């Protein structure tokens, strides 16, 4: 593992998340941190290249936290930013390309074919990370979006259901208990998947 790169990314992503320019707030740092942890778990479980998956996980939202105007296409801009950052570390060009593909294909709402196990790990880690940040999702619903109680809980429940459905079959099996516990906490019915 390139611990030098990962240590740099942890600090750099935190700084960008703390910046007033980041419209998502510090909560997005905890989302990205959860994606990195879940990507590492999934890479170990599914035999993917852990280094590629973890580096891509730390970088998957870098464009949107850097400049909100890049949000709509943050998967494309993020891959470009990743190349620049990783070149500064003399990271192998073939590994940079793998990281870029993970970033380009991490979004469940943008249907691109995932051609590697690392891409699946990062996309699944991104989806499941929402289960690690239920308080942040509730904050988003109530504070940022100004929703009433029922509407806010429904917003979070629906987000979690969509996230779970985006997972690969292997990840659904792996994270089934986490899904059940989160939905029980929110008082939601999990049988209508």
N, C-alpha and C. Protein backbone atom coordinates (compact mmCIF):
# COMPACT_ATOMS: atom_id res chain seq x y z
N UNK A 1 0.86 -1.20 0.00
CA UNK A 1 0.00 0.00 0.00
C UNK A 1 0.89 1.24 0.00
N UNK A 2 0.48 2.22 -0.77
CA UNK A 2 1.20 3.50 -0.81
C UNK A 2 0.65 4.37 0.32
N UNK A 3 1.16 4.13 1.51
CA UNK A 3 0.69 4.86 2.69
C UNK A 3 0.98 6.36 2.61
N UNK A 4 2.03 6.73 1.86
CA UNK A 4 2.34 8.15 1.69
C UNK A 4 1.20 8.85 0.94
N UNK A 5 0.70 8.22 -0.08
CA UNK A 5 -0.41 8.79 -0.86
C UNK A 5 -1.68 8.83 -0.02
N UNK A 6 -1.96 7.75 0.66
CA UNK A 6 -3.19 7.67 1.46
C UNK A 6 -3.17 8.70 2.60
N UNK A 7 -2.03 8.83 3.27
CA UNK A 7 -1.91 9.83 4.35
C UNK A 7 -2.11 11.25 3.79
N UNK A 8 -1.51 11.53 2.64
CA UNK A 8 -1.69 12.84 2.01
C UNK A 8 -3.16 13.08 1.67
N UNK A 9 -3.80 12.08 1.08
CA UNK A 9 -5.20 12.23 0.67
C UNK A 9 -6.12 12.45 1.87
N UNK A 10 -5.87 11.75 2.96
CA UNK A 10 -6.69 11.95 4.17
C UNK A 10 -6.62 13.41 4.62
N UNK A 11 -5.43 13.97 4.64
CA UNK A 11 -5.26 15.37 5.06
C UNK A 11 -5.83 16.34 4.03
N UNK A 12 -5.54 16.10 2.76
CA UNK A 12 -5.99 16.99 1.69
C UNK A 12 -7.52 17.01 1.59
N UNK A 13 -8.13 15.85 1.67
CA UNK A 13 -9.60 15.77 1.58
C UNK A 13 -10.22 16.46 2.78
N UNK A 14 -9.64 16.29 3.95
CA UNK A 14 -10.17 16.97 5.14
C UNK A 14 -10.08 18.49 4.96
N UNK A 15 -8.94 18.98 4.49
CA UNK A 15 -8.79 20.43 4.27
C UNK A 15 -9.83 20.95 3.27
N UNK A 16 -10.03 20.22 2.20
CA UNK A 16 -11.02 20.65 1.20
C UNK A 16 -12.43 20.59 1.76
N UNK A 17 -12.70 19.61 2.62
CA UNK A 17 -14.03 19.52 3.23
C UNK A 17 -14.26 20.63 4.25
N UNK A 18 -13.20 21.08 4.91
CA UNK A 18 -13.32 22.16 5.89
C UNK A 18 -13.38 23.54 5.24
N UNK A 19 -13.04 23.62 3.97
CA UNK A 19 -13.02 24.89 3.26
C UNK A 19 -14.42 25.47 3.13
N UNK A 20 -14.55 26.79 3.29
CA UNK A 20 -15.85 27.44 3.09
C UNK A 20 -16.40 27.23 1.67
N UNK A 21 -15.53 26.93 0.72
CA UNK A 21 -15.97 26.70 -0.66
C UNK A 21 -16.71 25.37 -0.81
N UNK A 22 -16.54 24.46 0.14
CA UNK A 22 -17.22 23.16 0.07
C UNK A 22 -18.65 23.30 0.57
N UNK A 23 -19.58 23.23 -0.34
CA UNK A 23 -21.00 23.41 0.00
C UNK A 23 -21.58 22.23 0.79
N UNK A 24 -20.88 21.09 0.81
CA UNK A 24 -21.38 19.91 1.49
C UNK A 24 -21.01 19.87 2.98
N UNK A 25 -20.07 20.70 3.41
CA UNK A 25 -19.67 20.75 4.81
C UNK A 25 -18.77 19.59 5.21
N UNK A 26 -18.37 19.61 6.46
CA UNK A 26 -17.44 18.61 6.99
C UNK A 26 -18.04 17.21 6.98
N UNK A 27 -19.35 17.11 6.99
CA UNK A 27 -19.99 15.81 6.94
C UNK A 27 -19.55 14.99 5.73
N UNK A 28 -19.20 15.67 4.65
CA UNK A 28 -18.75 14.94 3.47
C UNK A 28 -17.41 14.26 3.71
N UNK A 29 -16.59 14.81 4.62
CA UNK A 29 -15.34 14.13 4.95
C UNK A 29 -15.64 12.76 5.56
N UNK A 30 -16.62 12.73 6.44
CA UNK A 30 -16.95 11.46 7.10
C UNK A 30 -17.55 10.47 6.10
N UNK A 31 -18.27 10.98 5.11
CA UNK A 31 -18.77 10.13 4.03
C UNK A 31 -17.59 9.52 3.27
N UNK A 32 -16.64 10.35 2.87
CA UNK A 32 -15.49 9.87 2.09
C UNK A 32 -14.66 8.90 2.91
N UNK A 33 -14.47 9.21 4.18
CA UNK A 33 -13.73 8.30 5.07
C UNK A 33 -14.44 6.93 5.15
N UNK A 34 -15.76 6.95 5.25
CA UNK A 34 -16.53 5.70 5.29
C UNK A 34 -16.41 4.94 3.97
N UNK A 35 -16.39 5.66 2.86
CA UNK A 35 -16.22 5.00 1.55
C UNK A 35 -14.86 4.31 1.51
N UNK A 36 -13.83 4.98 1.99
CA UNK A 36 -12.48 4.38 1.99
C UNK A 36 -12.43 3.13 2.86
N UNK A 37 -13.03 3.19 4.04
CA UNK A 37 -13.04 2.02 4.93
C UNK A 37 -13.81 0.86 4.31
N UNK A 38 -14.97 1.15 3.74
CA UNK A 38 -15.77 0.10 3.11
C UNK A 38 -15.11 -0.44 1.85
N UNK A 39 -14.44 0.41 1.09
CA UNK A 39 -13.72 -0.06 -0.11
C UNK A 39 -12.61 -1.02 0.28
N UNK A 40 -11.94 -0.73 1.38
CA UNK A 40 -10.88 -1.63 1.85
C UNK A 40 -11.46 -2.98 2.28
N UNK A 41 -12.56 -2.94 3.02
CA UNK A 41 -13.23 -4.18 3.44
C UNK A 41 -13.67 -5.01 2.23
N UNK A 42 -14.29 -4.35 1.27
CA UNK A 42 -14.79 -5.07 0.09
C UNK A 42 -13.64 -5.59 -0.76
N UNK A 43 -12.57 -4.83 -0.89
CA UNK A 43 -11.41 -5.30 -1.66
C UNK A 43 -10.83 -6.56 -1.03
N UNK A 44 -10.74 -6.57 0.29
CA UNK A 44 -10.25 -7.77 0.97
C UNK A 44 -11.20 -8.94 0.75
N UNK A 45 -12.47 -8.68 0.86
CA UNK A 45 -13.47 -9.75 0.74
C UNK A 45 -13.55 -10.32 -0.68
N UNK A 46 -13.42 -9.46 -1.70
CA UNK A 46 -13.62 -9.88 -3.08
C UNK A 46 -12.32 -10.03 -3.88
N UNK A 47 -11.18 -9.91 -3.21
CA UNK A 47 -9.90 -10.13 -3.88
C UNK A 47 -9.51 -9.04 -4.87
N UNK A 48 -9.96 -7.84 -4.64
CA UNK A 48 -9.60 -6.70 -5.50
C UNK A 48 -8.29 -6.08 -5.01
N UNK A 49 -7.70 -5.23 -5.82
CA UNK A 49 -6.48 -4.52 -5.43
C UNK A 49 -6.86 -3.45 -4.41
N UNK A 50 -6.47 -3.70 -3.18
CA UNK A 50 -6.87 -2.83 -2.07
C UNK A 50 -6.32 -1.41 -2.24
N UNK A 51 -5.09 -1.29 -2.68
CA UNK A 51 -4.48 0.03 -2.86
C UNK A 51 -5.26 0.87 -3.86
N UNK A 52 -5.60 0.30 -5.00
CA UNK A 52 -6.37 1.02 -6.02
C UNK A 52 -7.73 1.43 -5.47
N UNK A 53 -8.41 0.49 -4.81
CA UNK A 53 -9.75 0.77 -4.29
C UNK A 53 -9.72 1.86 -3.23
N UNK A 54 -8.75 1.82 -2.33
CA UNK A 54 -8.70 2.81 -1.24
C UNK A 54 -8.33 4.19 -1.77
N UNK A 55 -7.35 4.26 -2.65
CA UNK A 55 -6.97 5.57 -3.23
C UNK A 55 -8.15 6.16 -4.01
N UNK A 56 -8.80 5.34 -4.81
CA UNK A 56 -9.95 5.83 -5.58
C UNK A 56 -11.08 6.26 -4.65
N UNK A 57 -11.27 5.55 -3.56
CA UNK A 57 -12.32 5.92 -2.61
C UNK A 57 -12.04 7.29 -2.00
N UNK A 58 -10.79 7.55 -1.63
CA UNK A 58 -10.46 8.86 -1.07
C UNK A 58 -10.67 9.97 -2.09
N UNK A 59 -10.52 9.65 -3.37
CA UNK A 59 -10.60 10.67 -4.42
C UNK A 59 -11.96 10.75 -5.13
N UNK A 60 -12.88 9.86 -4.83
CA UNK A 60 -14.08 9.75 -5.66
C UNK A 60 -14.95 11.01 -5.69
N UNK A 61 -14.95 11.82 -4.64
CA UNK A 61 -15.76 13.05 -4.60
C UNK A 61 -14.92 14.32 -4.58
N UNK A 62 -13.66 14.22 -4.92
CA UNK A 62 -12.75 15.38 -4.79
C UNK A 62 -13.22 16.57 -5.63
N UNK A 63 -13.78 16.33 -6.79
CA UNK A 63 -14.21 17.46 -7.63
C UNK A 63 -15.37 18.22 -7.00
N UNK A 64 -16.33 17.50 -6.45
CA UNK A 64 -17.52 18.18 -5.90
C UNK A 64 -17.21 18.93 -4.61
N UNK A 65 -16.24 18.46 -3.82
CA UNK A 65 -15.89 19.21 -2.60
C UNK A 65 -14.96 20.37 -2.90
N UNK A 66 -14.31 20.32 -4.06
CA UNK A 66 -13.39 21.39 -4.45
C UNK A 66 -14.14 22.55 -5.09
N UNK A 67 -15.11 22.22 -5.94
CA UNK A 67 -15.85 23.24 -6.68
C UNK A 67 -17.26 22.71 -6.97
N UNK A 68 -18.25 23.25 -6.30
CA UNK A 68 -19.62 22.75 -6.42
C UNK A 68 -20.13 22.78 -7.86
N UNK A 69 -19.62 23.70 -8.67
CA UNK A 69 -20.07 23.77 -10.06
C UNK A 69 -19.68 22.51 -10.85
N UNK A 70 -18.79 21.69 -10.30
CA UNK A 70 -18.37 20.46 -10.96
C UNK A 70 -19.22 19.26 -10.53
N UNK A 71 -20.17 19.50 -9.63
CA UNK A 71 -20.91 18.38 -9.02
C UNK A 71 -21.57 17.46 -10.04
N UNK A 72 -22.27 18.03 -11.00
CA UNK A 72 -23.05 17.22 -11.94
C UNK A 72 -22.17 16.19 -12.66
N UNK A 73 -20.95 16.56 -12.98
CA UNK A 73 -20.02 15.68 -13.68
C UNK A 73 -18.79 15.40 -12.80
N UNK A 74 -18.99 15.35 -11.48
CA UNK A 74 -17.84 15.22 -10.58
C UNK A 74 -17.06 13.93 -10.77
N UNK A 75 -17.70 12.92 -11.31
CA UNK A 75 -17.00 11.67 -11.56
C UNK A 75 -15.96 11.84 -12.69
N UNK A 76 -16.26 12.66 -13.65
CA UNK A 76 -15.32 12.92 -14.76
C UNK A 76 -14.22 13.88 -14.31
N UNK A 77 -14.62 14.99 -13.68
CA UNK A 77 -13.64 15.97 -13.21
C UNK A 77 -12.76 15.38 -12.12
N UNK A 78 -13.34 14.54 -11.27
CA UNK A 78 -12.57 13.89 -10.21
C UNK A 78 -11.47 13.00 -10.75
N UNK A 79 -11.75 12.30 -11.84
CA UNK A 79 -10.74 11.45 -12.47
C UNK A 79 -9.57 12.29 -12.99
N UNK A 80 -9.89 13.48 -13.51
CA UNK A 80 -8.84 14.38 -14.01
C UNK A 80 -7.98 14.91 -12.85
N UNK A 81 -8.65 15.32 -11.77
CA UNK A 81 -7.92 15.81 -10.59
C UNK A 81 -7.06 14.70 -10.00
N UNK A 82 -7.59 13.48 -9.97
CA UNK A 82 -6.83 12.35 -9.44
C UNK A 82 -5.54 12.14 -10.23
N UNK A 83 -5.63 12.25 -11.54
CA UNK A 83 -4.42 12.08 -12.37
C UNK A 83 -3.36 13.10 -12.00
N UNK A 84 -3.77 14.35 -11.85
CA UNK A 84 -2.82 15.41 -11.49
C UNK A 84 -2.17 15.12 -10.13
N UNK A 85 -2.98 14.79 -9.14
CA UNK A 85 -2.45 14.53 -7.80
C UNK A 85 -1.52 13.32 -7.78
N UNK A 86 -1.94 12.26 -8.42
CA UNK A 86 -1.15 11.02 -8.38
C UNK A 86 0.13 11.13 -9.19
N UNK A 87 0.13 11.94 -10.25
CA UNK A 87 1.37 12.18 -10.99
C UNK A 87 2.42 12.85 -10.11
N UNK A 88 1.96 13.71 -9.19
CA UNK A 88 2.89 14.37 -8.26
C UNK A 88 3.60 13.37 -7.35
N UNK A 89 3.04 12.19 -7.19
CA UNK A 89 3.64 11.14 -6.36
C UNK A 89 4.38 10.10 -7.21
N UNK A 90 4.54 10.39 -8.51
CA UNK A 90 5.16 9.43 -9.43
C UNK A 90 4.48 8.07 -9.36
N UNK A 91 3.17 8.10 -9.21
CA UNK A 91 2.40 6.86 -9.17
C UNK A 91 2.38 6.27 -10.58
N UNK A 92 2.43 4.97 -10.67
CA UNK A 92 2.52 4.29 -11.96
C UNK A 92 1.32 4.67 -12.85
N UNK A 93 1.59 5.04 -14.11
CA UNK A 93 0.51 5.45 -15.03
C UNK A 93 -0.60 4.41 -15.18
N UNK A 94 -0.26 3.13 -15.21
CA UNK A 94 -1.30 2.11 -15.35
C UNK A 94 -2.19 2.04 -14.10
N UNK A 95 -1.61 2.32 -12.93
CA UNK A 95 -2.42 2.35 -11.70
C UNK A 95 -3.29 3.60 -11.66
N UNK A 96 -2.76 4.71 -12.16
CA UNK A 96 -3.56 5.95 -12.24
C UNK A 96 -4.80 5.70 -13.09
N UNK A 97 -4.64 5.02 -14.20
CA UNK A 97 -5.78 4.73 -15.08
C UNK A 97 -6.82 3.88 -14.35
N UNK A 98 -6.39 2.92 -13.56
CA UNK A 98 -7.32 2.08 -12.80
C UNK A 98 -8.08 2.92 -11.76
N UNK A 99 -7.36 3.80 -11.07
CA UNK A 99 -7.99 4.70 -10.09
C UNK A 99 -9.01 5.58 -10.81
N UNK A 100 -8.64 6.11 -11.95
CA UNK A 100 -9.54 6.98 -12.71
C UNK A 100 -10.81 6.23 -13.12
N UNK A 101 -10.70 5.00 -13.54
CA UNK A 101 -11.88 4.22 -13.93
C UNK A 101 -12.80 4.00 -12.73
N UNK A 102 -12.22 3.77 -11.57
CA UNK A 102 -13.03 3.62 -10.35
C UNK A 102 -13.81 4.90 -10.06
N UNK A 103 -13.15 6.04 -10.20
CA UNK A 103 -13.79 7.32 -9.94
C UNK A 103 -14.88 7.59 -10.98
N UNK A 104 -14.58 7.36 -12.25
CA UNK A 104 -15.55 7.59 -13.32
C UNK A 104 -16.81 6.73 -13.15
N UNK A 105 -16.66 5.55 -12.58
CA UNK A 105 -17.76 4.60 -12.51
C UNK A 105 -18.31 4.39 -11.11
N UNK A 106 -18.05 5.31 -10.19
CA UNK A 106 -18.52 5.12 -8.81
C UNK A 106 -19.98 5.50 -8.60
N UNK A 107 -20.54 6.29 -9.46
CA UNK A 107 -21.89 6.82 -9.23
C UNK A 107 -22.96 5.83 -9.64
N UNK A 108 -23.80 5.48 -8.69
CA UNK A 108 -24.91 4.58 -8.98
C UNK A 108 -25.94 5.22 -9.89
N UNK A 109 -26.03 6.56 -9.87
CA UNK A 109 -27.02 7.25 -10.68
C UNK A 109 -26.56 7.44 -12.12
N UNK A 110 -25.29 7.16 -12.40
CA UNK A 110 -24.76 7.23 -13.75
C UNK A 110 -24.38 5.81 -14.14
N UNK A 111 -25.15 5.24 -15.04
CA UNK A 111 -24.96 3.83 -15.38
C UNK A 111 -23.83 3.68 -16.39
N UNK A 112 -22.68 3.28 -15.86
CA UNK A 112 -21.53 2.92 -16.68
C UNK A 112 -21.19 1.48 -16.33
N UNK A 113 -20.69 0.77 -17.28
CA UNK A 113 -20.28 -0.60 -16.99
C UNK A 113 -19.06 -0.61 -16.09
N UNK A 114 -19.12 -1.40 -15.07
CA UNK A 114 -17.98 -1.55 -14.17
C UNK A 114 -17.20 -2.78 -14.62
N UNK A 115 -15.98 -2.57 -15.09
CA UNK A 115 -15.24 -3.66 -15.70
C UNK A 115 -14.23 -4.31 -14.76
N UNK A 116 -14.05 -3.78 -13.57
CA UNK A 116 -13.08 -4.38 -12.64
C UNK A 116 -13.69 -4.55 -11.26
N UNK A 117 -13.11 -5.44 -10.50
CA UNK A 117 -13.59 -5.63 -9.12
C UNK A 117 -13.32 -4.39 -8.28
N UNK A 118 -12.28 -3.63 -8.60
CA UNK A 118 -12.00 -2.40 -7.86
C UNK A 118 -13.10 -1.37 -8.11
N UNK A 119 -13.59 -1.26 -9.34
CA UNK A 119 -14.69 -0.34 -9.65
C UNK A 119 -15.95 -0.72 -8.88
N UNK A 120 -16.23 -2.01 -8.81
CA UNK A 120 -17.40 -2.48 -8.06
C UNK A 120 -17.22 -2.17 -6.58
N UNK A 121 -16.02 -2.40 -6.05
CA UNK A 121 -15.77 -2.12 -4.63
C UNK A 121 -16.00 -0.65 -4.29
N UNK A 122 -15.51 0.25 -5.12
CA UNK A 122 -15.65 1.69 -4.85
C UNK A 122 -17.12 2.12 -5.00
N UNK A 123 -17.78 1.66 -6.04
CA UNK A 123 -19.19 2.02 -6.23
C UNK A 123 -20.05 1.48 -5.09
N UNK A 124 -19.81 0.24 -4.69
CA UNK A 124 -20.57 -0.35 -3.59
C UNK A 124 -20.23 0.34 -2.27
N UNK A 125 -18.97 0.68 -2.07
CA UNK A 125 -18.56 1.38 -0.84
C UNK A 125 -19.21 2.75 -0.76
N UNK A 126 -19.35 3.42 -1.90
CA UNK A 126 -20.01 4.72 -1.93
C UNK A 126 -21.48 4.58 -1.54
N UNK A 127 -22.14 3.58 -2.10
CA UNK A 127 -23.56 3.37 -1.80
C UNK A 127 -23.76 2.99 -0.33
N UNK A 128 -22.96 2.09 0.18
CA UNK A 128 -23.16 1.61 1.55
C UNK A 128 -22.71 2.65 2.58
N UNK A 129 -21.89 3.60 2.19
CA UNK A 129 -21.42 4.61 3.14
C UNK A 129 -22.55 5.42 3.74
N UNK A 130 -23.67 5.50 3.02
CA UNK A 130 -24.82 6.25 3.54
C UNK A 130 -25.35 5.61 4.82
N UNK A 131 -25.13 4.32 4.98
CA UNK A 131 -25.57 3.63 6.19
C UNK A 131 -24.66 3.97 7.38
N UNK A 132 -23.45 4.45 7.09
CA UNK A 132 -22.53 4.87 8.13
C UNK A 132 -22.73 6.33 8.51
N UNK A 133 -23.59 7.03 7.77
CA UNK A 133 -23.78 8.45 8.02
C UNK A 133 -25.25 8.83 8.07
N UNK A 134 -26.05 8.02 8.73
CA UNK A 134 -27.47 8.33 8.89
C UNK A 134 -27.67 9.68 9.58
N UNK A 135 -26.89 10.00 10.64
CA UNK A 135 -27.07 11.33 11.24
C UNK A 135 -26.83 12.48 10.26
N UNK A 136 -25.84 12.33 9.39
CA UNK A 136 -25.59 13.37 8.39
C UNK A 136 -26.73 13.49 7.40
N UNK A 137 -27.32 12.35 7.03
CA UNK A 137 -28.46 12.39 6.12
C UNK A 137 -29.67 13.06 6.77
N UNK A 138 -29.88 12.77 8.05
CA UNK A 138 -30.97 13.43 8.78
C UNK A 138 -30.72 14.93 8.89
N UNK A 139 -29.47 15.30 9.14
CA UNK A 139 -29.10 16.72 9.20
C UNK A 139 -29.39 17.38 7.85
N UNK A 140 -29.01 16.71 6.77
CA UNK A 140 -29.26 17.23 5.43
C UNK A 140 -30.76 17.45 5.22
N UNK A 141 -31.56 16.47 5.61
CA UNK A 141 -33.01 16.56 5.41
C UNK A 141 -33.63 17.68 6.23
N UNK A 142 -33.27 17.75 7.51
CA UNK A 142 -33.92 18.70 8.41
C UNK A 142 -33.32 20.10 8.34
N UNK A 143 -32.00 20.20 8.36
CA UNK A 143 -31.37 21.53 8.38
C UNK A 143 -31.17 22.12 6.99
N UNK A 144 -30.50 21.37 6.15
CA UNK A 144 -30.17 21.91 4.83
C UNK A 144 -31.40 22.02 3.92
N UNK A 145 -32.28 21.02 3.96
CA UNK A 145 -33.45 21.02 3.09
C UNK A 145 -34.71 21.53 3.78
N UNK A 146 -34.65 21.73 5.10
CA UNK A 146 -35.78 22.28 5.84
C UNK A 146 -37.03 21.41 5.86
N UNK A 147 -36.86 20.13 5.80
CA UNK A 147 -38.01 19.22 5.78
C UNK A 147 -38.63 19.04 7.15
N UNK A 148 -39.91 18.74 7.17
CA UNK A 148 -40.59 18.38 8.40
C UNK A 148 -40.20 16.95 8.77
N UNK A 149 -40.58 16.52 9.98
CA UNK A 149 -40.12 15.24 10.50
C UNK A 149 -40.41 14.06 9.56
N UNK A 150 -41.66 13.83 9.24
CA UNK A 150 -42.04 12.67 8.41
C UNK A 150 -41.38 12.73 7.03
N UNK A 151 -41.40 13.91 6.43
CA UNK A 151 -40.80 14.08 5.11
C UNK A 151 -39.29 13.79 5.17
N UNK A 152 -38.63 14.26 6.21
CA UNK A 152 -37.19 14.05 6.37
C UNK A 152 -36.83 12.58 6.57
N UNK A 153 -37.60 11.90 7.42
CA UNK A 153 -37.36 10.47 7.64
C UNK A 153 -37.60 9.70 6.35
N UNK A 154 -38.67 10.03 5.63
CA UNK A 154 -38.95 9.37 4.35
C UNK A 154 -37.81 9.61 3.34
N UNK A 155 -37.29 10.82 3.32
CA UNK A 155 -36.17 11.15 2.45
C UNK A 155 -34.98 10.24 2.74
N UNK A 156 -34.64 10.09 4.02
CA UNK A 156 -33.49 9.26 4.40
C UNK A 156 -33.77 7.79 4.12
N UNK A 157 -34.95 7.31 4.46
CA UNK A 157 -35.31 5.91 4.21
C UNK A 157 -35.21 5.60 2.71
N UNK A 158 -35.77 6.46 1.89
CA UNK A 158 -35.72 6.23 0.44
C UNK A 158 -34.30 6.29 -0.10
N UNK A 159 -33.49 7.18 0.43
CA UNK A 159 -32.07 7.26 0.04
C UNK A 159 -31.37 5.95 0.37
N UNK A 160 -31.61 5.42 1.57
CA UNK A 160 -30.98 4.18 1.99
C UNK A 160 -31.47 2.99 1.16
N UNK A 161 -32.75 2.96 0.85
CA UNK A 161 -33.27 1.87 0.02
C UNK A 161 -32.63 1.91 -1.38
N UNK A 162 -32.57 3.10 -1.96
CA UNK A 162 -31.94 3.22 -3.28
C UNK A 162 -30.47 2.81 -3.23
N UNK A 163 -29.78 3.21 -2.16
CA UNK A 163 -28.37 2.87 -2.01
C UNK A 163 -28.18 1.36 -1.92
N UNK A 164 -29.02 0.71 -1.14
CA UNK A 164 -28.92 -0.74 -0.99
C UNK A 164 -29.18 -1.44 -2.32
N UNK A 165 -30.16 -0.97 -3.06
CA UNK A 165 -30.49 -1.60 -4.34
C UNK A 165 -29.39 -1.43 -5.39
N UNK A 166 -28.54 -0.42 -5.24
CA UNK A 166 -27.43 -0.19 -6.17
C UNK A 166 -26.28 -1.17 -5.97
N UNK A 167 -26.25 -1.83 -4.82
CA UNK A 167 -25.14 -2.72 -4.51
C UNK A 167 -25.11 -3.94 -5.42
N UNK A 168 -23.91 -4.45 -5.63
CA UNK A 168 -23.77 -5.74 -6.31
C UNK A 168 -24.39 -6.81 -5.42
N UNK A 169 -24.72 -7.94 -5.99
CA UNK A 169 -25.34 -9.02 -5.22
C UNK A 169 -24.45 -9.46 -4.06
N UNK A 170 -23.14 -9.56 -4.30
CA UNK A 170 -22.22 -9.96 -3.24
C UNK A 170 -22.21 -8.96 -2.08
N UNK A 171 -22.23 -7.69 -2.41
CA UNK A 171 -22.24 -6.66 -1.36
C UNK A 171 -23.58 -6.61 -0.63
N UNK A 172 -24.67 -6.85 -1.35
CA UNK A 172 -25.98 -6.90 -0.68
C UNK A 172 -25.97 -7.98 0.41
N UNK A 173 -25.42 -9.12 0.07
CA UNK A 173 -25.35 -10.20 1.05
C UNK A 173 -24.45 -9.80 2.23
N UNK A 174 -23.31 -9.21 1.92
CA UNK A 174 -22.35 -8.80 2.95
C UNK A 174 -22.93 -7.74 3.89
N UNK A 175 -23.72 -6.80 3.36
CA UNK A 175 -24.23 -5.68 4.14
C UNK A 175 -25.69 -5.80 4.55
N UNK A 176 -26.28 -6.94 4.36
CA UNK A 176 -27.70 -7.15 4.70
C UNK A 176 -28.03 -6.75 6.13
N UNK A 177 -27.20 -7.14 7.08
CA UNK A 177 -27.47 -6.83 8.50
C UNK A 177 -27.38 -5.32 8.76
N UNK A 178 -26.42 -4.67 8.16
CA UNK A 178 -26.29 -3.21 8.32
C UNK A 178 -27.54 -2.51 7.78
N UNK A 179 -28.02 -2.99 6.64
CA UNK A 179 -29.23 -2.44 6.04
C UNK A 179 -30.42 -2.62 6.98
N UNK A 180 -30.60 -3.82 7.49
CA UNK A 180 -31.72 -4.10 8.40
C UNK A 180 -31.68 -3.22 9.65
N UNK A 181 -30.51 -3.10 10.25
CA UNK A 181 -30.38 -2.29 11.47
C UNK A 181 -30.70 -0.82 11.21
N UNK A 182 -30.22 -0.27 10.11
CA UNK A 182 -30.48 1.14 9.80
C UNK A 182 -31.97 1.37 9.57
N UNK A 183 -32.60 0.47 8.86
CA UNK A 183 -34.03 0.63 8.57
C UNK A 183 -34.87 0.46 9.84
N UNK A 184 -34.47 -0.45 10.70
CA UNK A 184 -35.18 -0.62 11.98
C UNK A 184 -35.05 0.65 12.82
N UNK A 185 -33.86 1.22 12.84
CA UNK A 185 -33.63 2.46 13.58
C UNK A 185 -34.56 3.57 13.11
N UNK A 186 -34.81 3.62 11.82
CA UNK A 186 -35.68 4.64 11.24
C UNK A 186 -37.16 4.23 11.24
N UNK A 187 -37.44 3.04 11.75
CA UNK A 187 -38.83 2.57 11.80
C UNK A 187 -39.38 2.27 10.43
N UNK A 188 -38.54 1.84 9.50
CA UNK A 188 -38.96 1.63 8.12
C UNK A 188 -39.20 0.15 7.83
N UNK A 189 -40.08 -0.08 6.88
CA UNK A 189 -40.39 -1.44 6.40
C UNK A 189 -39.31 -1.84 5.40
N UNK A 190 -38.68 -2.98 5.64
CA UNK A 190 -37.62 -3.40 4.72
C UNK A 190 -38.07 -4.49 3.77
N UNK A 191 -39.29 -4.91 3.86
CA UNK A 191 -39.75 -6.00 3.02
C UNK A 191 -40.11 -5.56 1.61
N UNK A 192 -40.24 -4.28 1.36
CA UNK A 192 -40.67 -3.85 0.03
C UNK A 192 -39.47 -3.40 -0.84
N UNK A 193 -38.41 -4.15 -0.78
CA UNK A 193 -37.24 -3.85 -1.61
C UNK A 193 -37.59 -4.17 -3.01
